[in-house]
N, C-alpha and C. Protein backbone atom coordinates (compact mmCIF):
# COMPACT_ATOMS: atom_id res chain seq x y z
N MET A 1 -32.34 1.61 10.47
CA MET A 1 -32.40 2.36 11.29
C MET A 1 -32.97 3.37 11.36
N THR A 2 -32.95 4.21 12.24
CA THR A 2 -33.30 5.81 12.60
C THR A 2 -32.71 6.43 11.42
N ALA A 3 -33.38 8.13 10.86
CA ALA A 3 -32.50 8.52 9.89
C ALA A 3 -31.41 8.89 10.92
N GLU A 4 -31.70 9.23 12.24
CA GLU A 4 -30.42 9.96 12.98
C GLU A 4 -29.51 8.61 13.23
N GLY A 5 -30.11 7.76 13.40
CA GLY A 5 -28.93 6.87 13.05
C GLY A 5 -27.90 6.51 11.26
N HIS A 6 -28.95 6.89 11.00
CA HIS A 6 -28.13 6.69 9.80
C HIS A 6 -27.03 7.68 9.13
N LEU A 7 -27.50 9.48 9.92
CA LEU A 7 -26.49 10.26 10.10
C LEU A 7 -25.69 10.33 11.04
N LEU A 8 -25.59 9.56 11.72
CA LEU A 8 -24.44 9.61 12.93
C LEU A 8 -23.45 8.10 11.82
N PHE A 9 -24.09 7.23 11.63
CA PHE A 9 -23.00 6.21 10.80
C PHE A 9 -22.85 6.76 9.76
N SER A 10 -23.03 7.20 8.93
CA SER A 10 -22.43 8.19 7.66
C SER A 10 -21.18 8.96 8.16
N ILE A 11 -21.69 9.56 9.03
CA ILE A 11 -20.37 10.49 9.91
C ILE A 11 -19.20 9.65 9.93
N ALA A 12 -19.65 8.72 10.52
CA ALA A 12 -18.45 7.32 11.18
C ALA A 12 -17.63 6.69 10.25
N CYS A 13 -19.03 6.05 8.94
CA CYS A 13 -18.05 6.23 7.53
C CYS A 13 -17.16 6.88 7.17
N ALA A 14 -18.38 8.17 6.83
CA ALA A 14 -16.76 9.52 6.09
C ALA A 14 -15.38 9.66 7.16
N VAL A 15 -15.26 9.75 8.44
CA VAL A 15 -14.42 9.73 8.79
C VAL A 15 -13.30 8.64 9.28
N PHE A 16 -13.68 7.45 8.90
CA PHE A 16 -12.79 6.16 8.70
C PHE A 16 -13.09 5.85 7.64
N ALA A 17 -13.35 6.23 6.27
CA ALA A 17 -12.86 6.43 5.30
C ALA A 17 -11.87 7.69 5.23
N LYS A 18 -11.81 8.70 5.52
CA LYS A 18 -10.61 9.46 5.19
C LYS A 18 -9.15 9.33 6.23
N ASN A 19 -9.62 8.79 7.40
CA ASN A 19 -8.29 8.61 7.78
C ASN A 19 -7.99 7.13 7.08
N ALA A 20 -8.76 6.26 7.35
CA ALA A 20 -8.16 5.05 5.96
C ALA A 20 -7.50 5.07 4.62
N GLU A 21 -7.49 5.98 4.28
CA GLU A 21 -7.20 6.54 2.92
C GLU A 21 -7.55 6.01 2.38
N LEU A 22 -9.29 5.04 2.53
CA LEU A 22 -9.49 4.61 1.33
C LEU A 22 -9.40 4.61 0.09
N THR A 23 -9.36 5.71 -0.79
CA THR A 23 -8.91 6.04 -2.39
C THR A 23 -8.12 7.25 -2.10
N PRO A 24 -7.30 7.32 -3.25
CA PRO A 24 -6.14 8.19 -2.74
C PRO A 24 -6.87 9.79 -2.85
N VAL A 25 -8.18 10.10 -3.66
CA VAL A 25 -9.35 11.04 -3.41
C VAL A 25 -9.88 11.69 -1.93
N LEU A 26 -9.72 10.63 -1.36
CA LEU A 26 -10.27 10.51 -0.27
C LEU A 26 -8.83 11.04 0.70
N ALA A 27 -7.95 10.52 1.04
CA ALA A 27 -6.80 11.27 1.69
C ALA A 27 -6.32 12.03 1.17
N GLN A 28 -6.89 12.67 0.14
CA GLN A 28 -6.31 14.34 -0.68
C GLN A 28 -6.84 15.24 -0.07
N GLY A 29 -8.72 14.73 -0.01
CA GLY A 29 -9.78 15.23 -0.05
C GLY A 29 -9.65 15.85 1.31
N ASP A 30 -10.70 17.48 1.13
CA ASP A 30 -11.08 18.19 1.57
C ASP A 30 -12.29 17.69 2.59
N TRP A 31 -12.11 17.99 4.84
CA TRP A 31 -12.64 17.16 5.87
C TRP A 31 -14.59 18.14 5.00
N TRP A 32 -14.08 18.98 4.71
CA TRP A 32 -15.62 19.75 4.56
C TRP A 32 -16.61 19.69 3.20
N HIS A 33 -15.78 18.35 1.95
CA HIS A 33 -16.40 18.23 1.48
C HIS A 33 -17.06 17.03 2.00
N ILE A 34 -16.04 16.37 2.06
CA ILE A 34 -16.29 14.76 2.41
C ILE A 34 -17.82 14.21 3.32
N VAL A 35 -16.80 14.74 4.57
CA VAL A 35 -18.08 14.30 5.35
C VAL A 35 -19.76 15.26 5.58
N PRO A 36 -20.23 16.79 4.86
CA PRO A 36 -21.33 16.98 4.38
C PRO A 36 -21.95 16.39 3.15
N SER A 37 -21.34 15.62 2.26
CA SER A 37 -21.35 15.14 1.07
C SER A 37 -21.99 13.52 1.36
N ALA A 38 -21.42 13.49 2.41
CA ALA A 38 -21.36 12.05 2.97
C ALA A 38 -23.37 11.97 3.42
N ILE A 39 -23.36 12.83 4.27
CA ILE A 39 -24.90 13.42 5.42
C ILE A 39 -25.76 13.59 3.94
N LEU A 40 -25.26 13.99 2.55
CA LEU A 40 -26.58 14.83 1.85
C LEU A 40 -26.76 13.29 1.74
N THR A 41 -25.88 12.54 1.54
CA THR A 41 -26.65 11.16 0.58
C THR A 41 -27.04 10.24 1.41
N CYS A 42 -26.72 10.51 2.50
CA CYS A 42 -26.71 8.63 3.60
C CYS A 42 -28.53 8.66 3.14
N LEU A 43 -29.27 9.17 3.88
CA LEU A 43 -30.82 9.26 3.33
C LEU A 43 -31.51 8.50 2.21
N LEU A 44 -30.49 8.49 0.87
CA LEU A 44 -31.06 8.65 -0.64
C LEU A 44 -31.49 7.26 -1.02
N PRO A 45 -31.02 6.22 0.21
CA PRO A 45 -31.83 4.25 -0.07
C PRO A 45 -32.97 4.66 0.13
N ASP A 46 -33.62 5.39 1.17
CA ASP A 46 -34.99 4.79 1.58
C ASP A 46 -35.50 5.94 0.69
N ILE A 47 -35.52 6.24 -0.41
CA ILE A 47 -35.97 7.22 -1.16
C ILE A 47 -37.18 5.92 -1.51
N ASP A 48 -37.17 4.98 -2.22
CA ASP A 48 -38.23 3.82 -2.32
C ASP A 48 -39.40 3.23 -0.85
N HIS A 49 -39.44 4.67 0.23
CA HIS A 49 -40.22 3.96 1.08
C HIS A 49 -40.96 5.24 1.50
N PRO A 50 -42.76 5.70 0.88
CA PRO A 50 -42.87 7.29 1.23
C PRO A 50 -42.57 7.34 2.46
N LYS A 51 -42.88 7.04 3.64
CA LYS A 51 -43.17 6.85 4.57
C LYS A 51 -41.96 7.07 5.53
N SER A 52 -40.56 6.96 4.54
CA SER A 52 -39.35 7.51 5.62
C SER A 52 -39.08 9.36 5.65
N PHE A 53 -38.17 9.55 6.13
CA PHE A 53 -37.27 11.04 6.63
C PHE A 53 -37.75 11.52 4.75
N LEU A 54 -36.56 11.24 4.20
CA LEU A 54 -37.07 11.56 2.83
C LEU A 54 -37.97 11.68 1.81
N GLY A 55 -38.60 10.61 1.90
CA GLY A 55 -39.83 10.34 1.23
C GLY A 55 -41.22 10.88 1.69
N GLN A 56 -41.30 11.29 3.03
CA GLN A 56 -42.11 12.45 3.13
C GLN A 56 -41.55 13.76 2.47
N ARG A 57 -40.80 14.19 2.15
CA ARG A 57 -40.22 15.68 1.39
C ARG A 57 -40.34 15.71 0.33
N VAL A 58 -40.25 13.55 -0.64
CA VAL A 58 -40.61 14.01 -2.42
C VAL A 58 -41.33 12.78 -2.22
N PRO A 59 -42.70 12.69 -2.24
CA PRO A 59 -43.26 12.04 -2.23
C PRO A 59 -43.98 11.56 -3.37
N TRP A 60 -43.93 11.91 -4.57
CA TRP A 60 -43.52 12.61 -5.77
C TRP A 60 -42.96 11.37 -6.31
N VAL A 61 -41.55 11.32 -5.99
CA VAL A 61 -40.50 10.39 -6.12
C VAL A 61 -40.98 9.36 -5.30
N ALA A 62 -40.96 9.32 -4.82
CA ALA A 62 -40.58 8.16 -3.32
C ALA A 62 -42.00 6.57 -3.57
N LYS A 63 -43.26 7.07 -3.98
CA LYS A 63 -44.08 5.96 -4.74
C LYS A 63 -44.48 5.53 -5.39
N PRO A 64 -43.91 6.46 -6.68
CA PRO A 64 -43.54 5.53 -8.04
C PRO A 64 -41.77 4.54 -7.68
N ILE A 65 -40.71 4.86 -6.98
CA ILE A 65 -39.96 3.70 -6.93
C ILE A 65 -39.86 2.25 -6.08
N ALA A 66 -41.50 2.99 -4.46
CA ALA A 66 -41.75 2.04 -3.79
C ALA A 66 -42.91 1.09 -4.77
N ARG A 67 -43.93 1.21 -5.36
CA ARG A 67 -44.03 0.70 -6.18
C ARG A 67 -43.13 -0.03 -6.70
N ALA A 68 -42.59 0.01 -8.04
CA ALA A 68 -41.73 -0.56 -8.75
C ALA A 68 -41.06 -1.43 -8.13
N CYS A 69 -40.59 -1.15 -6.71
CA CYS A 69 -39.58 -1.98 -6.51
C CYS A 69 -39.66 -2.17 -5.04
N GLY A 70 -40.42 -1.69 -4.42
CA GLY A 70 -40.69 -1.79 -2.67
C GLY A 70 -39.67 -1.25 -1.81
N HIS A 71 -40.46 -0.79 -0.36
CA HIS A 71 -38.84 -0.71 0.31
C HIS A 71 -37.79 -2.02 0.56
N ARG A 72 -36.80 -1.33 0.80
CA ARG A 72 -35.55 -2.01 0.56
C ARG A 72 -35.56 -3.25 -0.58
N GLY A 73 -35.59 -2.85 -1.40
CA GLY A 73 -35.79 -3.19 -2.97
C GLY A 73 -34.12 -3.38 -3.99
N PHE A 74 -34.43 -2.21 -4.67
CA PHE A 74 -33.32 -1.80 -6.25
C PHE A 74 -32.07 -1.01 -4.93
N THR A 75 -32.51 -0.16 -4.76
CA THR A 75 -32.30 0.87 -3.77
C THR A 75 -31.18 0.51 -2.44
N HIS A 76 -31.32 -0.57 -2.11
CA HIS A 76 -30.76 -1.42 -1.15
C HIS A 76 -29.45 -2.16 -1.37
N SER A 77 -29.78 -2.80 -3.08
CA SER A 77 -28.72 -4.46 -3.54
C SER A 77 -27.71 -3.63 -4.35
N LEU A 78 -26.95 -4.72 -3.92
CA LEU A 78 -25.56 -4.56 -5.05
C LEU A 78 -25.48 -4.30 -6.36
N LEU A 79 -26.68 -3.90 -7.24
CA LEU A 79 -26.75 -3.46 -8.19
C LEU A 79 -26.61 -2.00 -7.74
N ALA A 80 -27.53 -1.32 -7.01
CA ALA A 80 -27.28 0.24 -6.64
C ALA A 80 -25.87 0.55 -5.95
N VAL A 81 -24.98 -0.50 -5.32
CA VAL A 81 -23.81 -0.32 -4.67
C VAL A 81 -22.63 0.02 -5.76
N PHE A 82 -22.97 -1.13 -6.92
CA PHE A 82 -21.92 -0.62 -8.17
C PHE A 82 -21.85 0.18 -8.85
N ALA A 83 -23.44 0.75 -8.80
CA ALA A 83 -23.57 2.08 -9.75
C ALA A 83 -22.68 3.01 -8.74
N ALA A 84 -22.86 3.15 -7.54
CA ALA A 84 -22.52 4.02 -6.48
C ALA A 84 -20.99 4.41 -7.10
N LEU A 85 -20.15 2.77 -6.83
CA LEU A 85 -18.56 2.28 -6.35
C LEU A 85 -18.34 2.72 -8.27
N ALA A 86 -19.03 2.83 -9.45
CA ALA A 86 -18.58 3.58 -10.07
C ALA A 86 -17.87 4.94 -10.35
N LEU A 87 -19.33 5.53 -9.47
CA LEU A 87 -18.93 6.72 -10.15
C LEU A 87 -16.97 7.19 -8.77
N PHE A 88 -17.07 5.96 -8.02
CA PHE A 88 -15.31 6.53 -7.53
C PHE A 88 -14.15 6.72 -7.93
N TYR A 89 -14.80 6.37 -9.45
CA TYR A 89 -13.63 6.36 -10.41
C TYR A 89 -13.82 6.63 -11.60
N LEU A 90 -14.87 7.40 -11.19
CA LEU A 90 -15.26 8.60 -12.50
C LEU A 90 -13.93 9.18 -12.90
N LYS A 91 -13.62 9.72 -13.11
CA LYS A 91 -12.65 11.06 -13.45
C LYS A 91 -13.56 12.17 -14.14
N VAL A 92 -13.66 13.21 -12.15
CA VAL A 92 -14.57 14.18 -13.06
C VAL A 92 -13.47 15.67 -13.18
N PRO A 93 -13.66 15.95 -14.12
CA PRO A 93 -13.69 17.21 -14.88
C PRO A 93 -13.42 18.51 -14.18
N GLU A 94 -11.84 18.89 -13.68
CA GLU A 94 -12.42 20.35 -13.07
C GLU A 94 -12.89 21.13 -13.21
N SER A 95 -14.20 21.23 -14.86
CA SER A 95 -15.06 22.34 -14.97
C SER A 95 -16.43 21.51 -13.97
N TRP A 96 -16.33 20.66 -13.14
CA TRP A 96 -17.15 20.28 -12.75
C TRP A 96 -18.03 20.75 -11.91
N VAL A 97 -19.28 21.33 -11.28
CA VAL A 97 -19.09 21.22 -10.12
C VAL A 97 -19.12 20.97 -9.00
N ILE A 98 -19.22 19.65 -8.87
CA ILE A 98 -18.87 18.86 -7.59
C ILE A 98 -17.45 18.59 -7.90
N PRO A 99 -16.88 19.04 -6.33
CA PRO A 99 -15.64 18.80 -6.78
C PRO A 99 -15.36 16.68 -6.39
N ALA A 100 -14.46 15.99 -6.61
CA ALA A 100 -13.81 14.78 -6.32
C ALA A 100 -14.32 13.91 -5.99
N ASP A 101 -13.84 14.84 -4.21
CA ASP A 101 -13.71 14.51 -3.15
C ASP A 101 -15.34 14.68 -2.60
N ALA A 102 -16.22 15.54 -2.80
CA ALA A 102 -16.97 15.21 -2.37
C ALA A 102 -18.04 14.42 -3.50
N LEU A 103 -17.78 14.13 -4.61
CA LEU A 103 -18.78 13.09 -4.78
C LEU A 103 -18.03 11.29 -4.70
N GLN A 104 -17.32 11.20 -4.45
CA GLN A 104 -17.33 10.52 -3.33
C GLN A 104 -17.44 10.28 -1.77
N GLY A 105 -17.28 11.46 -1.35
CA GLY A 105 -18.63 11.41 0.09
C GLY A 105 -19.18 11.22 -0.18
N MET A 106 -20.16 11.78 -1.11
CA MET A 106 -21.78 10.95 -1.65
C MET A 106 -22.18 9.54 -1.51
N VAL A 107 -20.83 8.71 -2.26
CA VAL A 107 -21.02 7.33 -2.49
C VAL A 107 -20.79 6.86 -1.42
N LEU A 108 -19.90 7.40 -0.22
CA LEU A 108 -19.47 6.76 0.76
C LEU A 108 -20.89 7.06 1.56
N GLY A 109 -21.36 8.32 1.69
CA GLY A 109 -22.61 8.66 2.59
C GLY A 109 -24.40 7.05 1.88
N TYR A 110 -23.84 7.01 0.66
CA TYR A 110 -25.43 6.04 0.35
C TYR A 110 -24.83 4.72 0.44
N LEU A 111 -23.48 4.42 0.90
CA LEU A 111 -22.39 3.16 0.92
C LEU A 111 -23.08 2.75 2.51
N SER A 112 -22.84 3.79 3.02
CA SER A 112 -22.93 3.30 4.52
C SER A 112 -24.62 3.20 5.35
N HIS A 113 -25.07 3.47 3.96
CA HIS A 113 -27.07 3.60 4.06
C HIS A 113 -26.67 2.04 4.80
N ILE A 114 -26.90 1.49 3.39
CA ILE A 114 -26.70 -0.18 2.96
C ILE A 114 -25.94 -0.82 4.67
N LEU A 115 -25.13 -0.23 4.67
CA LEU A 115 -24.46 -1.19 5.72
C LEU A 115 -24.81 -0.94 6.66
N ALA A 116 -25.19 -0.15 7.11
CA ALA A 116 -26.03 0.26 8.50
C ALA A 116 -27.36 -0.80 8.46
N ASP A 117 -28.27 -0.73 7.08
CA ASP A 117 -29.57 -1.12 6.85
C ASP A 117 -28.87 -2.70 7.70
N MET A 118 -27.96 -2.96 7.24
CA MET A 118 -27.50 -4.38 7.35
C MET A 118 -27.20 -5.29 8.42
N LEU A 119 -26.95 -4.26 9.12
CA LEU A 119 -27.08 -4.38 11.36
C LEU A 119 -28.08 -4.04 11.97
N THR A 120 -29.23 -4.39 11.17
CA THR A 120 -31.02 -4.44 11.71
C THR A 120 -31.20 -5.43 11.17
N PRO A 121 -32.67 -6.61 11.89
CA PRO A 121 -33.22 -7.91 11.74
C PRO A 121 -33.69 -7.92 10.34
N ALA A 122 -34.00 -6.57 9.94
CA ALA A 122 -35.17 -6.67 7.91
C ALA A 122 -33.88 -7.47 7.14
N GLY A 123 -32.38 -6.27 7.16
CA GLY A 123 -31.30 -6.54 6.40
C GLY A 123 -31.38 -6.01 5.52
N VAL A 124 -30.76 -6.51 3.91
CA VAL A 124 -30.53 -5.91 2.41
C VAL A 124 -30.64 -7.13 1.95
N PRO A 125 -31.80 -7.06 0.64
CA PRO A 125 -31.37 -7.50 -0.10
C PRO A 125 -30.31 -7.65 -1.66
N LEU A 126 -28.99 -7.79 -0.77
CA LEU A 126 -27.99 -6.98 -1.90
C LEU A 126 -27.85 -7.86 -2.99
N LEU A 127 -28.45 -9.27 -3.99
CA LEU A 127 -28.82 -9.92 -4.80
C LEU A 127 -29.57 -9.37 -5.43
N TRP A 128 -30.79 -8.47 -5.07
CA TRP A 128 -31.88 -7.56 -5.52
C TRP A 128 -32.10 -8.61 -7.18
N PRO A 129 -32.66 -8.59 -7.79
CA PRO A 129 -34.20 -9.07 -7.65
C PRO A 129 -34.48 -9.91 -6.25
N CYS A 130 -33.16 -10.78 -6.26
CA CYS A 130 -33.55 -12.41 -5.59
C CYS A 130 -34.03 -11.42 -3.73
N ARG A 131 -34.78 -12.16 -3.31
CA ARG A 131 -35.10 -11.25 -2.35
C ARG A 131 -34.69 -11.56 -0.68
N TRP A 132 -33.11 -13.03 -0.63
CA TRP A 132 -32.51 -13.17 0.25
C TRP A 132 -31.92 -11.97 1.02
N ARG A 133 -32.04 -12.34 2.01
CA ARG A 133 -31.47 -11.12 3.15
C ARG A 133 -29.79 -11.55 3.25
N PHE A 134 -29.44 -10.33 3.36
CA PHE A 134 -28.13 -10.71 4.36
C PHE A 134 -28.68 -9.28 5.47
N ARG A 135 -27.92 -10.20 6.51
CA ARG A 135 -28.65 -8.90 7.95
C ARG A 135 -26.90 -10.12 8.74
N PHE A 136 -26.52 -8.69 9.82
CA PHE A 136 -25.70 -9.08 11.16
C PHE A 136 -26.41 -8.11 12.32
N PRO A 137 -27.29 -9.07 12.40
CA PRO A 137 -28.66 -7.60 13.45
C PRO A 137 -28.28 -7.38 14.27
N LEU A 138 -27.62 -6.74 14.93
CA LEU A 138 -26.98 -6.01 15.77
C LEU A 138 -28.30 -4.93 16.45
N VAL A 139 -29.12 -3.85 16.34
CA VAL A 139 -29.62 -2.99 15.71
C VAL A 139 -31.66 -3.14 16.11
N ARG A 140 -32.50 -2.96 16.56
CA ARG A 140 -33.67 -2.56 15.98
C ARG A 140 -34.17 -1.66 15.82
N PRO A 141 -34.63 -0.92 15.16
CA PRO A 141 -34.77 0.44 14.76
C PRO A 141 -35.94 0.88 15.59
N GLN A 142 -36.43 1.91 15.67
CA GLN A 142 -36.99 1.95 16.50
C GLN A 142 -36.36 3.96 17.04
N LYS A 143 -37.75 4.78 17.44
CA LYS A 143 -37.18 6.22 17.84
C LYS A 143 -36.50 5.94 19.00
N GLY A 144 -35.37 6.79 19.20
CA GLY A 144 -34.91 6.85 20.66
C GLY A 144 -34.09 5.50 20.79
N ASN A 145 -33.85 5.14 19.88
CA ASN A 145 -32.36 3.55 20.33
C ASN A 145 -31.95 4.13 21.21
N GLN A 146 -31.18 4.15 21.81
CA GLN A 146 -30.30 4.31 23.02
C GLN A 146 -28.76 3.23 22.27
N LEU A 147 -28.81 2.22 21.97
CA LEU A 147 -28.12 1.33 21.26
C LEU A 147 -27.72 1.16 19.84
N GLU A 148 -28.53 1.84 19.30
CA GLU A 148 -28.59 2.43 17.70
C GLU A 148 -26.99 3.56 18.02
N ARG A 149 -27.56 4.58 18.90
CA ARG A 149 -26.90 6.14 19.13
C ARG A 149 -25.53 5.46 19.33
N ALA A 150 -25.51 4.73 20.75
CA ALA A 150 -24.60 4.69 21.04
C ALA A 150 -23.14 3.95 20.41
N LEU A 151 -24.20 2.74 19.44
CA LEU A 151 -23.31 2.29 18.56
C LEU A 151 -22.91 2.63 17.48
N CYS A 152 -23.52 3.77 16.85
CA CYS A 152 -22.43 5.11 15.94
C CYS A 152 -21.59 6.04 16.29
N MET A 153 -22.18 5.88 17.65
CA MET A 153 -20.64 7.27 19.06
C MET A 153 -19.65 6.22 18.79
N VAL A 154 -19.38 5.06 19.25
CA VAL A 154 -18.76 4.03 19.07
C VAL A 154 -17.55 3.72 18.32
N LEU A 155 -18.34 3.44 17.20
CA LEU A 155 -17.70 3.36 15.75
C LEU A 155 -17.24 5.17 15.58
N PHE A 156 -17.81 6.23 15.75
CA PHE A 156 -17.51 7.48 15.24
C PHE A 156 -15.46 7.48 15.90
N GLY A 157 -16.11 7.08 17.80
CA GLY A 157 -14.43 6.97 18.23
C GLY A 157 -13.72 6.08 18.35
N LEU A 158 -13.69 5.12 17.05
CA LEU A 158 -12.77 4.23 16.65
C LEU A 158 -12.39 4.54 15.86
N ALA A 159 -13.28 5.37 14.15
CA ALA A 159 -12.95 5.62 13.13
C ALA A 159 -11.86 7.02 13.44
N VAL A 160 -12.18 7.70 14.64
CA VAL A 160 -10.89 9.07 15.25
C VAL A 160 -9.86 7.91 15.79
N TRP A 161 -10.01 7.48 16.43
CA TRP A 161 -8.66 7.01 17.37
C TRP A 161 -7.61 6.21 16.24
N MET A 162 -8.59 5.00 15.57
CA MET A 162 -7.32 3.92 15.45
C MET A 162 -6.31 4.42 14.24
N PRO A 163 -7.02 5.73 13.40
CA PRO A 163 -5.07 5.85 12.41
C PRO A 163 -4.60 6.27 13.08
N GLN A 164 -3.91 7.48 14.30
CA GLN A 164 -3.21 8.06 14.81
C GLN A 164 -2.76 7.06 15.92
N SER A 165 -3.39 5.79 16.41
CA SER A 165 -3.16 4.81 17.83
C SER A 165 -2.19 3.71 16.92
N LEU A 166 -2.13 3.88 15.46
CA LEU A 166 -1.01 2.65 14.69
C LEU A 166 -0.26 3.68 14.05
N SER A 167 0.67 2.41 14.20
CA SER A 167 1.54 3.31 13.44
C SER A 167 1.42 2.69 11.45
N ASP A 168 1.54 3.92 10.97
CA ASP A 168 1.48 3.83 9.27
C ASP A 168 0.35 3.36 9.03
N ASN A 169 -1.03 3.16 10.03
CA ASN A 169 -2.07 3.04 9.49
C ASN A 169 -2.19 1.55 9.13
N SER A 170 -1.48 0.37 9.75
CA SER A 170 -1.17 -0.69 9.38
C SER A 170 -2.78 -1.62 9.59
N ALA A 171 -3.31 -1.25 10.07
CA ALA A 171 -4.85 -2.27 10.31
C ALA A 171 -5.36 -2.04 9.49
N VAL A 172 -5.62 -0.76 8.88
CA VAL A 172 -6.51 -0.12 7.89
C VAL A 172 -5.68 -0.07 6.76
N ARG A 173 -4.48 -0.52 6.54
CA ARG A 173 -4.23 0.15 4.67
C ARG A 173 -5.12 -1.00 4.09
N TRP A 174 -5.33 -2.78 4.46
CA TRP A 174 -6.24 -3.39 3.38
C TRP A 174 -7.10 -2.81 2.27
N SER A 175 -7.81 -1.58 2.92
CA SER A 175 -9.10 -1.57 2.29
C SER A 175 -8.21 -0.58 1.33
N SER A 176 -7.29 0.22 1.02
CA SER A 176 -6.69 0.58 0.06
C SER A 176 -6.10 -0.06 -0.77
N GLN A 177 -5.95 -1.02 -0.72
CA GLN A 177 -5.07 -2.61 -1.47
C GLN A 177 -6.69 -3.41 -2.25
N VAL A 178 -7.75 -2.76 -1.27
CA VAL A 178 -8.57 -3.38 -2.02
C VAL A 178 -10.12 -2.82 -3.07
N ILE A 179 -9.46 -1.73 -2.58
CA ILE A 179 -10.49 -0.65 -3.40
C ILE A 179 -9.26 -0.44 -4.85
N ILE A 180 -7.90 -0.71 -4.25
CA ILE A 180 -7.00 -0.43 -5.99
C ILE A 180 -7.06 -1.97 -7.00
N SER A 181 -7.67 -3.10 -6.71
CA SER A 181 -7.70 -4.07 -7.50
C SER A 181 -9.48 -3.35 -7.80
N MET A 182 -10.17 -3.14 -7.38
CA MET A 182 -11.10 -2.69 -7.59
C MET A 182 -11.57 -2.11 -9.01
N GLN A 183 -10.66 -1.19 -8.63
CA GLN A 183 -10.29 -0.15 -9.31
C GLN A 183 -9.53 -0.64 -10.64
N THR A 184 -8.86 -0.97 -10.53
CA THR A 184 -7.91 -2.51 -11.95
C THR A 184 -8.72 -3.03 -12.02
N THR A 185 -9.30 -3.50 -12.14
CA THR A 185 -10.57 -4.63 -12.74
C THR A 185 -12.20 -4.06 -13.42
N PHE A 186 -12.33 -2.83 -12.29
CA PHE A 186 -13.49 -2.17 -13.26
C PHE A 186 -12.77 -1.28 -14.55
N SER A 187 -11.42 -1.26 -14.06
CA SER A 187 -10.75 -0.11 -15.60
C SER A 187 -10.90 -1.46 -16.58
N SER A 188 -10.22 -2.00 -16.06
CA SER A 188 -10.34 -3.08 -17.55
C SER A 188 -11.41 -3.80 -17.97
N LEU A 189 -12.22 -3.59 -17.08
CA LEU A 189 -13.85 -4.23 -18.14
C LEU A 189 -14.16 -2.78 -18.64
N LEU A 190 -13.98 -1.32 -18.63
CA LEU A 190 -14.26 -0.86 -19.09
C LEU A 190 -13.74 -0.27 -20.64
N ASN A 191 -12.17 -0.73 -20.33
CA ASN A 191 -11.46 -0.58 -21.16
C ASN A 191 -11.40 -2.04 -22.79
N HIS A 192 -11.81 -2.80 -22.00
CA HIS A 192 -12.67 -4.00 -22.98
C HIS A 192 -13.83 -3.54 -23.42
N HIS A 193 -14.40 -3.12 -23.04
CA HIS A 193 -16.33 -2.90 -23.77
C HIS A 193 -15.85 -1.87 -24.51
N SER A 194 -14.94 -1.11 -24.31
CA SER A 194 -14.91 0.54 -24.70
C SER A 194 -13.83 0.02 -26.22
N ALA A 195 -12.76 -1.07 -26.34
CA ALA A 195 -12.91 -1.65 -27.56
C ALA A 195 -13.81 -2.24 -28.21
N GLN A 196 -14.44 -2.65 -28.51
CA GLN A 196 -15.29 -3.70 -28.42
C GLN A 196 -16.50 -2.61 -29.70
């Protein structure tokens, strides 16, 4: 996807996550924390490409990462996703500068990038360092791609519309159950590791 596509897609994902009450923090969170935070990190996985929007602005970071991992390598993998998801469950002290809802918004932005890249023919190596690519090729990355823009706008519209039109968000509550079970598993792994 293009940088514009990633920005639009991250906004749609942030609106969906907030309206679907993906986590209790997001449900109670401030729109002005969640959406800007998602926008802030939605281009971060492309730090592994020196010619990307972000890579051109910080080439001293992008070039070493590109040499070490290649484009759409580690930064687009499940390892990076699990690291990002771990941030969902950190108990952020009140003395921290970043509020918990903003931190989760940042994770959403990062994850939205990987999900959006799965919609392109190149896909992403979720099992990196294994080179298998996971993809659902709906859009082709190119400047001025109207299909990409239209897809992002439709997703944004659905994210805004769905929770208001369905009683008690019944169609999207499954996501909360998935997150709760992941949190339980993650917490038990941390507790088990701490006990040793």
